[in-house]
C-alpha atoms as a PDB file:
ATOM      1  CA  MET A   1       0.000   0.000   0.000  1.00  0.00           C
ATOM      2  CA  PRO A   2       1.306   3.491  -0.759  1.00  0.00           C
ATOM      3  CA  ILE A   3       2.396   5.546   2.253  1.00  0.00           C
ATOM      4  CA  ILE A   4       0.879   8.990   2.771  1.00  0.00           C
ATOM      5  CA  ARG A   5       2.854  11.748   4.438  1.00  0.00           C
ATOM      6  CA  PHE A   6       0.426  14.295   5.778  1.00  0.00           C
ATOM      7  CA  PRO A   7       1.105  17.900   6.878  1.00  0.00           C
ATOM      8  CA  ALA A   8       1.513  18.275  10.627  1.00  0.00           C
ATOM      9  CA  LEU A   9      -0.859  21.259  10.510  1.00  0.00           C
ATOM     10  CA  MET A  10      -3.688  18.989   9.389  1.00  0.00           C
ATOM     11  CA  LYS A  11      -2.919  15.791  11.285  1.00  0.00           C
ATOM     12  CA  PHE A  12      -5.859  16.521  13.590  1.00  0.00           C
ATOM     13  CA  TYR A  13      -8.156  15.323  10.780  1.00  0.00           C
ATOM     14  CA  VAL A  14      -6.357  11.975  10.377  1.00  0.00           C
ATOM     15  CA  ASP A  15      -6.164  10.737  13.976  1.00  0.00           C
ATOM     16  CA  ASN A  16      -2.991  12.773  14.659  1.00  0.00           C
ATOM     17  CA  GLN A  17      -0.961  10.775  12.143  1.00  0.00           C
ATOM     18  CA  THR A  18       1.649  12.307   9.875  1.00  0.00           C
ATOM     19  CA  GLU A  19       2.446   9.106   7.982  1.00  0.00           C
ATOM     20  CA  PHE A  20       0.261   6.078   7.297  1.00  0.00           C
ATOM     21  CA  PRO A  21      -0.604   3.553   4.552  1.00  0.00           C
ATOM     22  CA  ALA A  22      -3.631   4.101   2.338  1.00  0.00           C
ATOM     23  CA  ALA A  23      -5.071   1.981  -0.447  1.00  0.00           C
ATOM     24  CA  GLY A  24      -5.423   3.203  -4.005  1.00  0.00           C
ATOM     25  CA  ASP A  25      -4.301   2.296  -7.503  1.00  0.00           C
ATOM     26  CA  THR A  26      -4.388   5.982  -8.524  1.00  0.00           C
ATOM     27  CA  VAL A  27      -4.135   9.263  -6.645  1.00  0.00           C
ATOM     28  CA  ALA A  28      -7.897   9.778  -7.153  1.00  0.00           C
ATOM     29  CA  GLU A  29      -8.685   6.352  -5.680  1.00  0.00           C
ATOM     30  CA  LEU A  30      -6.337   6.986  -2.765  1.00  0.00           C
ATOM     31  CA  LEU A  31      -8.138  10.295  -2.096  1.00  0.00           C
ATOM     32  CA  ASP A  32     -11.539   8.574  -2.263  1.00  0.00           C
ATOM     33  CA  ASN A  33     -10.384   5.964   0.255  1.00  0.00           C
ATOM     34  CA  LEU A  34      -8.829   8.637   2.465  1.00  0.00           C
ATOM     35  CA  LEU A  35     -12.053  10.684   2.488  1.00  0.00           C
ATOM     36  CA  ALA A  36     -14.154   7.587   3.196  1.00  0.00           C
ATOM     37  CA  ARG A  37     -11.998   7.034   6.277  1.00  0.00           C
ATOM     38  CA  TYR A  38     -11.681  10.728   7.252  1.00  0.00           C
ATOM     39  CA  PRO A  39     -14.684  12.628   5.809  1.00  0.00           C
ATOM     40  CA  ALA A  40     -13.897  15.830   7.765  1.00  0.00           C
ATOM     41  CA  LEU A  41     -10.928  16.307   5.399  1.00  0.00           C
ATOM     42  CA  LYS A  42     -13.031  16.941   2.297  1.00  0.00           C
ATOM     43  CA  PRO A  43     -13.586  20.709   2.675  1.00  0.00           C
ATOM     44  CA  HIS A  44      -9.869  21.162   3.357  1.00  0.00           C
ATOM     45  CA  LEU A  45      -8.792  19.294   0.217  1.00  0.00           C
ATOM     46  CA  PHE A  46     -11.544  20.127  -2.274  1.00  0.00           C
ATOM     47  CA  GLU A  47     -13.433  23.235  -3.363  1.00  0.00           C
ATOM     48  CA  SER A  48     -17.239  23.139  -3.408  1.00  0.00           C
ATOM     49  CA  THR A  49     -16.981  22.424  -7.167  1.00  0.00           C
ATOM     50  CA  GLY A  50     -15.171  19.156  -6.416  1.00  0.00           C
ATOM     51  CA  LYS A  51     -11.842  20.442  -7.713  1.00  0.00           C
ATOM     52  CA  LEU A  52      -8.694  19.940  -5.629  1.00  0.00           C
ATOM     53  CA  ARG A  53      -7.893  23.164  -3.764  1.00  0.00           C
ATOM     54  CA  ARG A  54      -5.225  25.254  -5.461  1.00  0.00           C
ATOM     55  CA  HIS A  55      -3.104  25.598  -2.310  1.00  0.00           C
ATOM     56  CA  PHE A  56      -3.030  21.840  -1.714  1.00  0.00           C
ATOM     57  CA  ASN A  57      -0.197  20.014  -3.482  1.00  0.00           C
ATOM     58  CA  ILE A  58       0.281  16.283  -3.929  1.00  0.00           C
ATOM     59  CA  PHE A  59       3.621  14.686  -4.748  1.00  0.00           C
ATOM     60  CA  VAL A  60       4.305  11.065  -5.672  1.00  0.00           C
ATOM     61  CA  ASN A  61       7.897  10.046  -4.977  1.00  0.00           C
ATOM     62  CA  GLY A  62       8.941  13.701  -5.019  1.00  0.00           C
ATOM     63  CA  GLU A  63       7.176  14.667  -8.279  1.00  0.00           C
ATOM     64  CA  HIS A  64       4.127  16.915  -8.345  1.00  0.00           C
ATOM     65  CA  ILE A  65       1.097  15.107  -9.753  1.00  0.00           C
ATOM     66  CA  ARG A  66       0.550  17.898 -12.303  1.00  0.00           C
ATOM     67  CA  GLU A  67       3.864  16.778 -13.865  1.00  0.00           C
ATOM     68  CA  LEU A  68       2.669  13.171 -13.843  1.00  0.00           C
ATOM     69  CA  GLY A  69      -0.893  12.137 -14.613  1.00  0.00           C
ATOM     70  CA  GLY A  70      -2.780  14.445 -12.269  1.00  0.00           C
ATOM     71  CA  LEU A  71      -5.343  12.637 -10.154  1.00  0.00           C
ATOM     72  CA  ASP A  72      -5.078   9.713 -12.574  1.00  0.00           C
ATOM     73  CA  THR A  73      -1.424   9.159 -11.624  1.00  0.00           C
ATOM     74  CA  PRO A  74      -0.999   5.416 -11.031  1.00  0.00           C
ATOM     75  CA  LEU A  75       0.344   4.269  -7.671  1.00  0.00           C
ATOM     76  CA  LYS A  76       2.411   1.252  -6.655  1.00  0.00           C
ATOM     77  CA  ALA A  77       2.621  -0.306  -3.200  1.00  0.00           C
ATOM     78  CA  GLU A  78       6.066   1.171  -2.544  1.00  0.00           C
ATOM     79  CA  ASP A  79       5.150   4.765  -3.483  1.00  0.00           C
ATOM     80  CA  LYS A  80       5.339   7.708  -1.093  1.00  0.00           C
ATOM     81  CA  VAL A  81       2.520  10.205  -1.527  1.00  0.00           C
ATOM     82  CA  ILE A  82       3.206  13.545   0.119  1.00  0.00           C
ATOM     83  CA  PHE A  83       0.406  16.015   0.808  1.00  0.00           C
ATOM     84  CA  MET A  84       1.625  19.569   1.215  1.00  0.00           C
ATOM     85  CA  VAL A  85      -0.201  22.809   1.962  1.00  0.00           C
ATOM     86  CA  SER A  86       1.206  25.904   0.258  1.00  0.00           C
ATOM     87  CA  ALA A  87       1.907  28.788   2.601  1.00  0.00           C
ATOM     88  CA  ALA A  88       1.640  32.462   1.783  1.00  0.00           C
ATOM     89  CA  GLY A  89       2.523  35.452   3.799  1.00  0.00           C
ATOM     90  CA  GLY A  90       3.912  38.887   3.687  1.00  0.00           C
END
């Protein structure tokens, strides 16, 4: 099963875990399984239109999914999927 690394700022929504396995053959399937397990995450990851929030980035083995296959990026059992929240400030 791929391993998810989750931002410490949001670990409250995933039983205070920062790293854990999650099932999914694609990034989209992994997200569906993650949201089935932790439904309170949905408004933090997705806009009301169902589109992934712009400030939320997903990397598979260090590569941003927009450089791969987007949400259709295939996953293997040994993959590391990193969720990262963009920060802005002034």
